[in-house]
């Protein structure tokens, strides 16, 4: 007997031993098994495969998260009305002195939040009520006690006098230098304030005493404080002392490296509280304060 799955010939009638109904039932079962073996093709909305839809959703989520984190990173917390910022190298709010990146001493003894304008004055300035001579370059002449703006830096030689008892600075330029025990000296008290937006270097040895055409350098043991870098708005009081020359004094000359010119100061003025030739007290304005 032939198997039921055998197909009959395309031509001719069924063999007598085949039952047509049984053959049709076997054929239907065979077709059903074929349909079961086939994986149905799944599609999403619009006929798009679900895997593509899932990938698109993941990409959109990643883009949204990236945009969210980027916006959060750009926002900065608002400072409260009572919050203030301080320099990382400040040691005292009133006399902030730190260390510059190059190892130089930096002074911001009266540092202001912004660089002061040339005509501005502060309570600490010894020349707060005086008229100011301003110059951007060249040789500038002034008298003792007259403030001068060299560019954006205020300079005022508040006193210049001869004394046999010079005031010793709180910190001298060279602490190892020997201090003369006797003799006559010419001593000047100088106020410098940085009113520019940049730091400036103040060097006591940039001062020179001129007498009858000859210049002399300061006495290191009686001159101070050492060279400082003034931050914007900072000020410094200097004591500059010279050995008294034999001839007549022509004046004091200041030639800083940051100014294309020089300042010549003439005249004589004894510091307040001192008597000529024997002064040993500190002049008004705190000239001995070195910004520390």
C-alpha atoms as a PDB file:
ATOM      1  CA  UNK A   1       0.000   0.000   0.000  1.00  0.00           C
ATOM      2  CA  UNK A   2       1.427   3.416  -0.975  1.00  0.00           C
ATOM      3  CA  UNK A   3       2.020   6.129   1.588  1.00  0.00           C
ATOM      4  CA  UNK A   4      -0.613   8.812   1.981  1.00  0.00           C
ATOM      5  CA  UNK A   5       1.963  11.627   1.423  1.00  0.00           C
ATOM      6  CA  UNK A   6       2.850  10.379  -2.032  1.00  0.00           C
ATOM      7  CA  UNK A   7       1.531  12.671  -4.645  1.00  0.00           C
ATOM      8  CA  UNK A   8      -0.574  11.202  -7.393  1.00  0.00           C
ATOM      9  CA  UNK A   9       0.500  11.731 -10.931  1.00  0.00           C
ATOM     10  CA  UNK A  10      -0.592  14.963 -12.499  1.00  0.00           C
ATOM     11  CA  UNK A  11      -2.454  13.062 -15.146  1.00  0.00           C
ATOM     12  CA  UNK A  12      -4.842  10.297 -14.645  1.00  0.00           C
ATOM     13  CA  UNK A  13      -7.169   9.413 -11.822  1.00  0.00           C
ATOM     14  CA  UNK A  14      -6.370   8.490  -8.198  1.00  0.00           C
ATOM     15  CA  UNK A  15      -5.399   4.888  -7.665  1.00  0.00           C
ATOM     16  CA  UNK A  16      -8.218   2.794  -6.445  1.00  0.00           C
ATOM     17  CA  UNK A  17      -6.595   2.189  -3.060  1.00  0.00           C
ATOM     18  CA  UNK A  18      -6.342   6.002  -2.278  1.00  0.00           C
ATOM     19  CA  UNK A  19      -9.138   7.727  -0.483  1.00  0.00           C
ATOM     20  CA  UNK A  20      -9.499  11.310  -1.841  1.00  0.00           C
ATOM     21  CA  UNK A  21     -10.794  12.683   1.464  1.00  0.00           C
ATOM     22  CA  UNK A  22      -7.935  11.134   3.393  1.00  0.00           C
ATOM     23  CA  UNK A  23      -5.458  12.497   0.881  1.00  0.00           C
ATOM     24  CA  UNK A  24      -6.923  16.022   1.211  1.00  0.00           C
ATOM     25  CA  UNK A  25      -6.746  15.840   4.998  1.00  0.00           C
ATOM     26  CA  UNK A  26      -3.078  14.791   4.846  1.00  0.00           C
ATOM     27  CA  UNK A  27      -2.352  17.650   2.482  1.00  0.00           C
ATOM     28  CA  UNK A  28      -3.948  20.179   4.841  1.00  0.00           C
ATOM     29  CA  UNK A  29      -1.937  18.833   7.773  1.00  0.00           C
ATOM     30  CA  UNK A  30       1.252  19.147   5.752  1.00  0.00           C
ATOM     31  CA  UNK A  31       0.458  22.770   4.905  1.00  0.00           C
ATOM     32  CA  UNK A  32      -0.295  23.510   8.576  1.00  0.00           C
ATOM     33  CA  UNK A  33       3.071  22.125   9.642  1.00  0.00           C
ATOM     34  CA  UNK A  34       4.798  24.311   7.092  1.00  0.00           C
ATOM     35  CA  UNK A  35       3.030  27.406   8.417  1.00  0.00           C
ATOM     36  CA  UNK A  36       4.090  26.537  11.957  1.00  0.00           C
ATOM     37  CA  UNK A  37       7.743  26.242  10.939  1.00  0.00           C
ATOM     38  CA  UNK A  38       7.774  29.741   9.413  1.00  0.00           C
ATOM     39  CA  UNK A  39       8.588  32.655  11.838  1.00  0.00           C
ATOM     40  CA  UNK A  40       6.012  35.337  11.500  1.00  0.00           C
ATOM     41  CA  UNK A  41       7.555  38.689  10.446  1.00  0.00           C
ATOM     42  CA  UNK A  42       6.886  41.249  13.142  1.00  0.00           C
ATOM     43  CA  UNK A  43       6.534  44.913  12.234  1.00  0.00           C
ATOM     44  CA  UNK A  44       5.988  48.056  14.263  1.00  0.00           C
ATOM     45  CA  UNK A  45       3.999  51.185  13.451  1.00  0.00           C
ATOM     46  CA  UNK A  46       4.139  52.014   9.783  1.00  0.00           C
ATOM     47  CA  UNK A  47       5.612  48.643   8.970  1.00  0.00           C
ATOM     48  CA  UNK A  48       8.989  49.441  10.617  1.00  0.00           C
ATOM     49  CA  UNK A  49      10.688  46.534  12.382  1.00  0.00           C
ATOM     50  CA  UNK A  50      10.531  46.866  16.215  1.00  0.00           C
ATOM     51  CA  UNK A  51      14.340  46.725  16.586  1.00  0.00           C
ATOM     52  CA  UNK A  52      14.645  49.946  14.577  1.00  0.00           C
ATOM     53  CA  UNK A  53      11.992  51.648  16.669  1.00  0.00           C
ATOM     54  CA  UNK A  54      13.799  50.637  19.882  1.00  0.00           C
ATOM     55  CA  UNK A  55      17.150  51.921  18.572  1.00  0.00           C
ATOM     56  CA  UNK A  56      15.593  55.290  17.667  1.00  0.00           C
ATOM     57  CA  UNK A  57      14.100  55.642  21.158  1.00  0.00           C
ATOM     58  CA  UNK A  58      17.479  54.885  22.805  1.00  0.00           C
ATOM     59  CA  UNK A  59      19.243  57.496  20.631  1.00  0.00           C
ATOM     60  CA  UNK A  60      16.657  60.139  21.497  1.00  0.00           C
ATOM     61  CA  UNK A  61      17.036  59.400  25.213  1.00  0.00           C
ATOM     62  CA  UNK A  62      20.844  59.730  25.009  1.00  0.00           C
ATOM     63  CA  UNK A  63      20.541  63.071  23.207  1.00  0.00           C
ATOM     64  CA  UNK A  64      18.098  64.372  25.834  1.00  0.00           C
ATOM     65  CA  UNK A  65      20.382  63.316  28.716  1.00  0.00           C
ATOM     66  CA  UNK A  66      23.433  64.927  27.094  1.00  0.00           C
ATOM     67  CA  UNK A  67      21.562  68.209  26.612  1.00  0.00           C
ATOM     68  CA  UNK A  68      20.370  68.134  30.227  1.00  0.00           C
ATOM     69  CA  UNK A  69      23.849  67.560  31.689  1.00  0.00           C
ATOM     70  CA  UNK A  70      25.361  70.217  29.424  1.00  0.00           C
ATOM     71  CA  UNK A  71      22.869  72.832  30.577  1.00  0.00           C
ATOM     72  CA  UNK A  72      23.468  71.949  34.240  1.00  0.00           C
ATOM     73  CA  UNK A  73      27.258  72.214  33.832  1.00  0.00           C
ATOM     74  CA  UNK A  74      27.085  75.721  32.352  1.00  0.00           C
ATOM     75  CA  UNK A  75      25.039  77.115  35.238  1.00  0.00           C
ATOM     76  CA  UNK A  76      26.999  78.677  38.099  1.00  0.00           C
ATOM     77  CA  UNK A  77      25.607  79.090  41.590  1.00  0.00           C
ATOM     78  CA  UNK A  78      24.659  82.672  42.269  1.00  0.00           C
ATOM     79  CA  UNK A  79      26.599  84.305  45.051  1.00  0.00           C
ATOM     80  CA  UNK A  80      24.600  85.478  48.006  1.00  0.00           C
ATOM     81  CA  UNK A  81      24.671  89.114  49.137  1.00  0.00           C
ATOM     82  CA  UNK A  82      26.924  88.265  52.056  1.00  0.00           C
ATOM     83  CA  UNK A  83      29.408  86.134  50.146  1.00  0.00           C
ATOM     84  CA  UNK A  84      32.816  87.571  49.393  1.00  0.00           C
ATOM     85  CA  UNK A  85      35.817  86.182  47.538  1.00  0.00           C
ATOM     86  CA  UNK A  86      39.325  86.179  48.910  1.00  0.00           C
ATOM     87  CA  UNK A  87      42.706  85.694  47.301  1.00  0.00           C
ATOM     88  CA  UNK A  88      44.189  82.222  47.921  1.00  0.00           C
ATOM     89  CA  UNK A  89      47.471  83.753  49.015  1.00  0.00           C
ATOM     90  CA  UNK A  90      46.060  86.430  51.309  1.00  0.00           C
ATOM     91  CA  UNK A  91      47.160  86.332  54.907  1.00  0.00           C
ATOM     92  CA  UNK A  92      45.320  89.309  56.371  1.00  0.00           C
ATOM     93  CA  UNK A  93      42.195  91.137  55.085  1.00  0.00           C
ATOM     94  CA  UNK A  94      43.604  94.575  55.907  1.00  0.00           C
ATOM     95  CA  UNK A  95      47.160  94.021  54.759  1.00  0.00           C
ATOM     96  CA  UNK A  96      46.955  91.213  52.214  1.00  0.00           C
ATOM     97  CA  UNK A  97      50.457  90.105  51.318  1.00  0.00           C
ATOM     98  CA  UNK A  98      51.021  86.928  49.328  1.00  0.00           C
ATOM     99  CA  UNK A  99      53.609  85.303  47.155  1.00  0.00           C
ATOM    100  CA  UNK A 100      53.695  85.893  43.431  1.00  0.00           C
ATOM    101  CA  UNK A 101      54.025  82.901  41.059  1.00  0.00           C
ATOM    102  CA  UNK A 102      57.667  83.827  40.446  1.00  0.00           C
ATOM    103  CA  UNK A 103      58.550  83.791  44.135  1.00  0.00           C
ATOM    104  CA  UNK A 104      58.480  87.579  44.467  1.00  0.00           C
ATOM    105  CA  UNK A 105      56.828  89.239  47.426  1.00  0.00           C
ATOM    106  CA  UNK A 106      53.466  90.725  46.541  1.00  0.00           C
ATOM    107  CA  UNK A 107      51.770  93.459  48.564  1.00  0.00           C
ATOM    108  CA  UNK A 108      48.152  94.530  48.454  1.00  0.00           C
ATOM    109  CA  UNK A 109      48.106  96.420  51.744  1.00  0.00           C
ATOM    110  CA  UNK A 110      45.189  98.640  50.748  1.00  0.00           C
ATOM    111  CA  UNK A 111      43.863  96.592  47.837  1.00  0.00           C
ATOM    112  CA  UNK A 112      40.602  97.848  46.361  1.00  0.00           C
ATOM    113  CA  UNK A 113      38.052  95.784  44.454  1.00  0.00           C
ATOM    114  CA  UNK A 114      38.750  97.728  41.255  1.00  0.00           C
ATOM    115  CA  UNK A 115      41.675  99.774  39.948  1.00  0.00           C
ATOM    116  CA  UNK A 116      41.282 103.370  41.083  1.00  0.00           C
ATOM    117  CA  UNK A 117      41.060 106.220  38.652  1.00  0.00           C
ATOM    118  CA  UNK A 118      43.928 108.757  38.526  1.00  0.00           C
ATOM    119  CA  UNK A 119      41.873 111.408  40.299  1.00  0.00           C
ATOM    120  CA  UNK A 120      40.540 109.147  43.057  1.00  0.00           C
ATOM    121  CA  UNK A 121      41.847 109.366  46.598  1.00  0.00           C
ATOM    122  CA  UNK A 122      41.607 107.117  49.623  1.00  0.00           C
ATOM    123  CA  UNK A 123      41.617 107.770  53.343  1.00  0.00           C
ATOM    124  CA  UNK A 124      45.022 106.123  53.586  1.00  0.00           C
ATOM    125  CA  UNK A 125      46.598 108.472  51.033  1.00  0.00           C
ATOM    126  CA  UNK A 126      48.820 111.145  52.601  1.00  0.00           C
ATOM    127  CA  UNK A 127      48.027 113.349  49.603  1.00  0.00           C
ATOM    128  CA  UNK A 128      44.259 112.915  49.706  1.00  0.00           C
ATOM    129  CA  UNK A 129      43.553 116.654  49.406  1.00  0.00           C
ATOM    130  CA  UNK A 130      46.495 117.716  47.232  1.00  0.00           C
ATOM    131  CA  UNK A 131      46.471 118.491  43.522  1.00  0.00           C
ATOM    132  CA  UNK A 132      48.024 115.792  41.375  1.00  0.00           C
ATOM    133  CA  UNK A 133      50.463 116.173  38.496  1.00  0.00           C
ATOM    134  CA  UNK A 134      49.928 113.443  35.875  1.00  0.00           C
ATOM    135  CA  UNK A 135      52.316 112.274  33.157  1.00  0.00           C
ATOM    136  CA  UNK A 136      52.390 109.232  30.863  1.00  0.00           C
ATOM    137  CA  UNK A 137      56.090 109.504  29.982  1.00  0.00           C
ATOM    138  CA  UNK A 138      59.110 111.796  30.013  1.00  0.00           C
ATOM    139  CA  UNK A 139      60.885 113.599  32.854  1.00  0.00           C
ATOM    140  CA  UNK A 140      58.562 114.935  35.539  1.00  0.00           C
ATOM    141  CA  UNK A 141      59.464 117.526  38.177  1.00  0.00           C
ATOM    142  CA  UNK A 142      57.701 117.973  41.516  1.00  0.00           C
ATOM    143  CA  UNK A 143      58.314 119.339  44.971  1.00  0.00           C
ATOM    144  CA  UNK A 144      58.408 117.433  48.231  1.00  0.00           C
ATOM    145  CA  UNK A 145      54.860 116.632  49.333  1.00  0.00           C
ATOM    146  CA  UNK A 146      53.402 117.025  45.832  1.00  0.00           C
ATOM    147  CA  UNK A 147      51.695 113.850  44.516  1.00  0.00           C
ATOM    148  CA  UNK A 148      52.468 112.758  40.972  1.00  0.00           C
ATOM    149  CA  UNK A 149      50.779 110.200  38.720  1.00  0.00           C
ATOM    150  CA  UNK A 150      53.432 108.302  36.763  1.00  0.00           C
ATOM    151  CA  UNK A 151      51.133 106.603  34.306  1.00  0.00           C
ATOM    152  CA  UNK A 152      48.621 104.904  36.622  1.00  0.00           C
ATOM    153  CA  UNK A 153      50.863 104.817  39.714  1.00  0.00           C
ATOM    154  CA  UNK A 154      50.656 107.535  42.347  1.00  0.00           C
ATOM    155  CA  UNK A 155      53.986 108.576  43.873  1.00  0.00           C
ATOM    156  CA  UNK A 156      54.467 111.138  46.619  1.00  0.00           C
ATOM    157  CA  UNK A 157      57.751 111.922  48.362  1.00  0.00           C
ATOM    158  CA  UNK A 158      56.118 113.138  51.567  1.00  0.00           C
ATOM    159  CA  UNK A 159      59.380 114.238  53.242  1.00  0.00           C
ATOM    160  CA  UNK A 160      63.040 114.742  52.429  1.00  0.00           C
ATOM    161  CA  UNK A 161      65.411 115.973  55.100  1.00  0.00           C
ATOM    162  CA  UNK A 162      68.881 115.638  56.581  1.00  0.00           C
ATOM    163  CA  UNK A 163      69.188 113.910  59.939  1.00  0.00           C
ATOM    164  CA  UNK A 164      71.795 112.391  62.202  1.00  0.00           C
ATOM    165  CA  UNK A 165      69.253 109.990  63.704  1.00  0.00           C
ATOM    166  CA  UNK A 166      67.581 108.256  60.757  1.00  0.00           C
ATOM    167  CA  UNK A 167      64.444 106.205  61.210  1.00  0.00           C
ATOM    168  CA  UNK A 168      65.154 102.495  60.848  1.00  0.00           C
ATOM    169  CA  UNK A 169      62.651 100.701  58.597  1.00  0.00           C
ATOM    170  CA  UNK A 170      60.685  97.814  60.026  1.00  0.00           C
ATOM    171  CA  UNK A 171      62.378  95.599  57.451  1.00  0.00           C
ATOM    172  CA  UNK A 172      65.452  96.758  55.599  1.00  0.00           C
ATOM    173  CA  UNK A 173      66.368  95.968  52.013  1.00  0.00           C
ATOM    174  CA  UNK A 174      69.339  93.901  53.169  1.00  0.00           C
ATOM    175  CA  UNK A 175      68.853  92.642  56.707  1.00  0.00           C
ATOM    176  CA  UNK A 176      72.452  91.435  56.800  1.00  0.00           C
ATOM    177  CA  UNK A 177      73.838  94.871  55.921  1.00  0.00           C
ATOM    178  CA  UNK A 178      75.577  96.818  58.660  1.00  0.00           C
ATOM    179  CA  UNK A 179      73.704  99.877  59.891  1.00  0.00           C
ATOM    180  CA  UNK A 180      75.973 102.950  60.300  1.00  0.00           C
ATOM    181  CA  UNK A 181      76.177 103.973  63.954  1.00  0.00           C
ATOM    182  CA  UNK A 182      76.892 107.647  63.279  1.00  0.00           C
ATOM    183  CA  UNK A 183      77.012 110.249  60.566  1.00  0.00           C
ATOM    184  CA  UNK A 184      74.574 112.458  58.739  1.00  0.00           C
ATOM    185  CA  UNK A 185      71.992 111.032  56.370  1.00  0.00           C
ATOM    186  CA  UNK A 186      69.403 112.236  53.921  1.00  0.00           C
ATOM    187  CA  UNK A 187      66.162 110.362  54.488  1.00  0.00           C
ATOM    188  CA  UNK A 188      63.022 110.359  52.361  1.00  0.00           C
ATOM    189  CA  UNK A 189      59.583 108.934  53.070  1.00  0.00           C
ATOM    190  CA  UNK A 190      57.777 107.855  49.906  1.00  0.00           C
ATOM    191  CA  UNK A 191      54.168 106.795  49.376  1.00  0.00           C
ATOM    192  CA  UNK A 192      53.408 104.626  46.300  1.00  0.00           C
ATOM    193  CA  UNK A 193      49.959 103.432  45.241  1.00  0.00           C
ATOM    194  CA  UNK A 194      49.201 101.208  42.255  1.00  0.00           C
ATOM    195  CA  UNK A 195      46.093 102.532  40.507  1.00  0.00           C
ATOM    196  CA  UNK A 196      46.509 100.512  37.315  1.00  0.00           C
ATOM    197  CA  UNK A 197      44.859  97.233  36.349  1.00  0.00           C
ATOM    198  CA  UNK A 198      48.209  95.403  36.363  1.00  0.00           C
ATOM    199  CA  UNK A 199      50.762  94.628  39.060  1.00  0.00           C
ATOM    200  CA  UNK A 200      53.821  96.909  39.277  1.00  0.00           C
ATOM    201  CA  UNK A 201      57.236  96.365  40.814  1.00  0.00           C
ATOM    202  CA  UNK A 202      58.408  98.908  43.420  1.00  0.00           C
ATOM    203  CA  UNK A 203      62.173  98.805  43.984  1.00  0.00           C
ATOM    204  CA  UNK A 204      63.750 101.128  46.612  1.00  0.00           C
ATOM    205  CA  UNK A 205      67.044 101.107  44.722  1.00  0.00           C
ATOM    206  CA  UNK A 206      65.301 102.872  41.813  1.00  0.00           C
ATOM    207  CA  UNK A 207      65.726 106.064  43.904  1.00  0.00           C
ATOM    208  CA  UNK A 208      68.910 108.108  43.641  1.00  0.00           C
ATOM    209  CA  UNK A 209      70.087 111.192  45.516  1.00  0.00           C
ATOM    210  CA  UNK A 210      71.751 113.812  43.290  1.00  0.00           C
ATOM    211  CA  UNK A 211      74.204 116.339  44.688  1.00  0.00           C
ATOM    212  CA  UNK A 212      76.290 118.618  42.457  1.00  0.00           C
ATOM    213  CA  UNK A 213      75.808 116.357  39.468  1.00  0.00           C
ATOM    214  CA  UNK A 214      76.711 113.138  41.241  1.00  0.00           C
ATOM    215  CA  UNK A 215      74.227 110.425  42.206  1.00  0.00           C
ATOM    216  CA  UNK A 216      74.346 108.064  45.159  1.00  0.00           C
ATOM    217  CA  UNK A 217      72.453 104.869  45.942  1.00  0.00           C
ATOM    218  CA  UNK A 218      70.456 104.240  49.137  1.00  0.00           C
ATOM    219  CA  UNK A 219      72.018 102.723  52.248  1.00  0.00           C
ATOM    220  CA  UNK A 220      70.569  99.200  52.264  1.00  0.00           C
ATOM    221  CA  UNK A 221      70.515  98.801  56.059  1.00  0.00           C
ATOM    222  CA  UNK A 222      68.466 102.002  56.468  1.00  0.00           C
ATOM    223  CA  UNK A 223      66.188 101.532  53.449  1.00  0.00           C
ATOM    224  CA  UNK A 224      63.094  99.380  53.349  1.00  0.00           C
ATOM    225  CA  UNK A 225      61.032  97.408  52.877  1.00  0.00           C
ATOM    226  CA  UNK A 226      62.565  95.220  50.143  1.00  0.00           C
ATOM    227  CA  UNK A 227      61.274  95.320  46.580  1.00  0.00           C
ATOM    228  CA  UNK A 228      57.592  94.476  46.327  1.00  0.00           C
ATOM    229  CA  UNK A 229      55.096  93.700  43.579  1.00  0.00           C
ATOM    230  CA  UNK A 230      52.019  95.837  44.177  1.00  0.00           C
ATOM    231  CA  UNK A 231      48.700  94.384  43.111  1.00  0.00           C
ATOM    232  CA  UNK A 232      46.060  96.721  41.594  1.00  0.00           C
ATOM    233  CA  UNK A 233      44.861  99.146  44.273  1.00  0.00           C
ATOM    234  CA  UNK A 234      47.665  98.300  46.719  1.00  0.00           C
ATOM    235  CA  UNK A 235      49.913 100.900  48.346  1.00  0.00           C
ATOM    236  CA  UNK A 236      53.309 100.901  50.040  1.00  0.00           C
ATOM    237  CA  UNK A 237      55.272 103.260  52.287  1.00  0.00           C
ATOM    238  CA  UNK A 238      59.029 103.368  51.703  1.00  0.00           C
ATOM    239  CA  UNK A 239      61.905 104.730  53.790  1.00  0.00           C
ATOM    240  CA  UNK A 240      64.838 105.577  51.516  1.00  0.00           C
ATOM    241  CA  UNK A 241      68.052 106.696  53.236  1.00  0.00           C
ATOM    242  CA  UNK A 242      71.288 108.053  51.721  1.00  0.00           C
ATOM    243  CA  UNK A 243      74.608 109.042  53.181  1.00  0.00           C
ATOM    244  CA  UNK A 244      74.621 112.835  53.355  1.00  0.00           C
ATOM    245  CA  UNK A 245      76.736 114.271  50.508  1.00  0.00           C
ATOM    246  CA  UNK A 246      79.353 116.961  51.020  1.00  0.00           C
ATOM    247  CA  UNK A 247      77.940 119.244  48.372  1.00  0.00           C
ATOM    248  CA  UNK A 248      74.533 120.861  47.989  1.00  0.00           C
ATOM    249  CA  UNK A 249      71.660 118.470  47.329  1.00  0.00           C
ATOM    250  CA  UNK A 250      70.031 118.882  43.926  1.00  0.00           C
ATOM    251  CA  UNK A 251      67.117 116.532  44.521  1.00  0.00           C
ATOM    252  CA  UNK A 252      65.808 113.004  44.594  1.00  0.00           C
ATOM    253  CA  UNK A 253      65.367 111.108  41.320  1.00  0.00           C
ATOM    254  CA  UNK A 254      63.038 108.122  40.884  1.00  0.00           C
ATOM    255  CA  UNK A 255      63.436 106.031  37.710  1.00  0.00           C
ATOM    256  CA  UNK A 256      61.185 102.930  37.882  1.00  0.00           C
ATOM    257  CA  UNK A 257      61.452 100.350  35.106  1.00  0.00           C
ATOM    258  CA  UNK A 258      57.713 100.459  34.352  1.00  0.00           C
ATOM    259  CA  UNK A 259      57.716 104.226  33.546  1.00  0.00           C
ATOM    260  CA  UNK A 260      59.372 105.619  30.388  1.00  0.00           C
ATOM    261  CA  UNK A 261      60.977 108.555  32.142  1.00  0.00           C
ATOM    262  CA  UNK A 262      61.903 109.741  35.630  1.00  0.00           C
ATOM    263  CA  UNK A 263      60.576 111.814  38.515  1.00  0.00           C
ATOM    264  CA  UNK A 264      62.747 114.560  40.012  1.00  0.00           C
ATOM    265  CA  UNK A 265      61.765 115.814  43.464  1.00  0.00           C
ATOM    266  CA  UNK A 266      63.314 118.959  44.926  1.00  0.00           C
ATOM    267  CA  UNK A 267      62.957 120.793  48.220  1.00  0.00           C
ATOM    268  CA  UNK A 268      63.235 119.836  51.860  1.00  0.00           C
ATOM    269  CA  UNK A 269      60.493 118.914  54.273  1.00  0.00           C
ATOM    270  CA  UNK A 270      60.941 117.394  57.713  1.00  0.00           C
ATOM    271  CA  UNK A 271      58.459 114.640  58.606  1.00  0.00           C
ATOM    272  CA  UNK A 272      55.702 115.719  60.972  1.00  0.00           C
ATOM    273  CA  UNK A 273      56.688 115.023  64.566  1.00  0.00           C
ATOM    274  CA  UNK A 274      60.422 115.281  63.848  1.00  0.00           C
ATOM    275  CA  UNK A 275      62.869 118.107  64.243  1.00  0.00           C
ATOM    276  CA  UNK A 276      65.485 118.681  61.598  1.00  0.00           C
ATOM    277  CA  UNK A 277      68.746 116.855  62.213  1.00  0.00           C
ATOM    278  CA  UNK A 278      67.584 114.713  65.120  1.00  0.00           C
ATOM    279  CA  UNK A 279      64.405 113.017  64.066  1.00  0.00           C
ATOM    280  CA  UNK A 280      63.814 109.508  65.329  1.00  0.00           C
ATOM    281  CA  UNK A 281      60.043 109.261  65.442  1.00  0.00           C
ATOM    282  CA  UNK A 282      57.845 107.724  62.828  1.00  0.00           C
ATOM    283  CA  UNK A 283      56.265 110.328  60.546  1.00  0.00           C
ATOM    284  CA  UNK A 284      52.526 110.632  60.127  1.00  0.00           C
ATOM    285  CA  UNK A 285      51.076 108.277  57.547  1.00  0.00           C
ATOM    286  CA  UNK A 286      52.852 105.246  58.986  1.00  0.00           C
ATOM    287  CA  UNK A 287      55.948 105.437  56.815  1.00  0.00           C
ATOM    288  CA  UNK A 288      57.487 102.518  58.646  1.00  0.00           C
ATOM    289  CA  UNK A 289      54.676 100.174  57.679  1.00  0.00           C
ATOM    290  CA  UNK A 290      55.969  97.936  54.957  1.00  0.00           C
ATOM    291  CA  UNK A 291      52.714  96.361  53.922  1.00  0.00           C
ATOM    292  CA  UNK A 292      53.193  93.137  55.786  1.00  0.00           C
END
